[in-house]
């Protein structure tokens, strides 16, 4: 959504985007906690962590594969797009 043009983002920009998404989720957790109560806030937070941690594991595996296999940029894009479609 944020990157409709075909450009490679750097580590700094990637970390900033990730920090923004995590901050938005934590602000939403605070609102749910305040508005619906502690139990709902903890339920949402637990669900967020259950979804976030495996995605970080996937990023590590993809980075390891790309480091060892050294595919071209075009093949990397195809591989990531294929894995997103399959998920």
Protein backbone atom coordinates (compact mmCIF):
# COMPACT_ATOMS: atom_id res chain seq x y z
CA UNK A 1 0.00 0.00 0.00
CA UNK A 2 2.73 2.44 0.90
CA UNK A 3 5.08 1.41 -1.91
CA UNK A 4 3.21 1.13 -5.17
CA UNK A 5 6.25 2.07 -7.20
CA UNK A 6 8.91 -0.52 -7.98
CA UNK A 7 11.73 0.43 -5.64
CA UNK A 8 13.76 -1.42 -3.09
CA UNK A 9 13.47 -0.03 0.43
CA UNK A 10 16.43 0.06 2.74
CA UNK A 11 16.85 -1.29 6.23
CA UNK A 12 16.21 2.10 7.85
CA UNK A 13 12.93 2.65 6.01
CA UNK A 14 11.85 -0.92 6.68
CA UNK A 15 12.53 -0.53 10.40
CA UNK A 16 10.66 2.78 10.49
CA UNK A 17 7.61 1.26 8.80
CA UNK A 18 7.68 -1.72 11.14
CA UNK A 19 7.97 0.56 14.18
CA UNK A 20 5.01 2.57 12.90
CA UNK A 21 2.83 -0.52 12.47
CA UNK A 22 3.77 -1.87 15.90
CA UNK A 23 3.11 1.55 17.49
CA UNK A 24 -0.32 1.72 15.86
CA UNK A 25 -1.14 -1.76 17.19
CA UNK A 26 0.00 -0.85 20.71
CA UNK A 27 -2.05 2.35 20.66
CA UNK A 28 -5.05 0.27 19.62
CA UNK A 29 -4.33 -2.18 22.48
CA UNK A 30 -4.34 0.74 24.92
CA UNK A 31 -7.67 1.95 23.53
CA UNK A 32 -9.23 -1.54 23.71
CA UNK A 33 -7.91 -1.93 27.26
CA UNK A 34 -9.37 1.44 28.29
CA UNK A 35 -12.69 1.12 26.43
CA UNK A 36 -13.50 -2.61 26.77
CA UNK A 37 -11.49 -3.63 29.82
CA UNK A 38 -8.30 -5.43 30.73
CA UNK A 39 -9.41 -8.87 29.55
CA UNK A 40 -10.22 -7.67 26.03
CA UNK A 41 -6.99 -5.69 25.92
CA UNK A 42 -4.95 -8.73 26.91
CA UNK A 43 -6.82 -10.91 24.42
CA UNK A 44 -6.04 -8.52 21.58
CA UNK A 45 -2.41 -8.15 22.67
CA UNK A 46 -1.96 -11.93 22.88
CA UNK A 47 -3.46 -12.32 19.40
CA UNK A 48 -1.19 -9.62 18.03
CA UNK A 49 1.90 -11.31 19.48
CA UNK A 50 0.78 -14.72 18.19
CA UNK A 51 0.58 -13.23 14.68
CA UNK A 52 3.72 -11.05 14.88
CA UNK A 53 6.25 -13.58 16.15
CA UNK A 54 5.81 -16.17 13.37
CA UNK A 55 6.02 -13.42 10.76
CA UNK A 56 9.40 -12.39 12.18
CA UNK A 57 10.49 -16.02 11.95
CA UNK A 58 9.44 -16.08 8.29
CA UNK A 59 11.51 -12.97 7.59
CA UNK A 60 14.56 -14.66 9.13
CA UNK A 61 14.08 -17.79 7.00
CA UNK A 62 13.64 -15.75 3.82
CA UNK A 63 16.77 -13.73 4.61
CA UNK A 64 18.73 -16.94 5.20
CA UNK A 65 17.54 -18.45 1.91
CA UNK A 66 18.33 -15.28 -0.04
CA UNK A 67 21.77 -15.06 1.55
CA UNK A 68 22.73 -18.64 0.75
CA UNK A 69 21.05 -18.98 -2.68
CA UNK A 70 21.84 -15.44 -3.96
CA UNK A 71 18.94 -15.15 -6.42
CA UNK A 72 18.67 -12.15 -8.73
CA UNK A 73 16.48 -9.22 -7.70
CA UNK A 74 13.71 -10.25 -10.11
CA UNK A 75 13.65 -13.79 -8.72
CA UNK A 76 13.56 -12.47 -5.15
CA UNK A 77 10.50 -10.38 -5.93
CA UNK A 78 8.80 -13.38 -7.59
CA UNK A 79 9.66 -15.64 -4.64
CA UNK A 80 8.31 -13.19 -2.05
CA UNK A 81 5.15 -12.53 -4.10
CA UNK A 82 4.59 -16.28 -4.49
CA UNK A 83 5.03 -16.93 -0.79
CA UNK A 84 2.56 -14.14 0.05
CA UNK A 85 0.01 -15.57 -2.38
CA UNK A 86 0.43 -19.08 -0.92
CA UNK A 87 0.03 -17.85 2.64
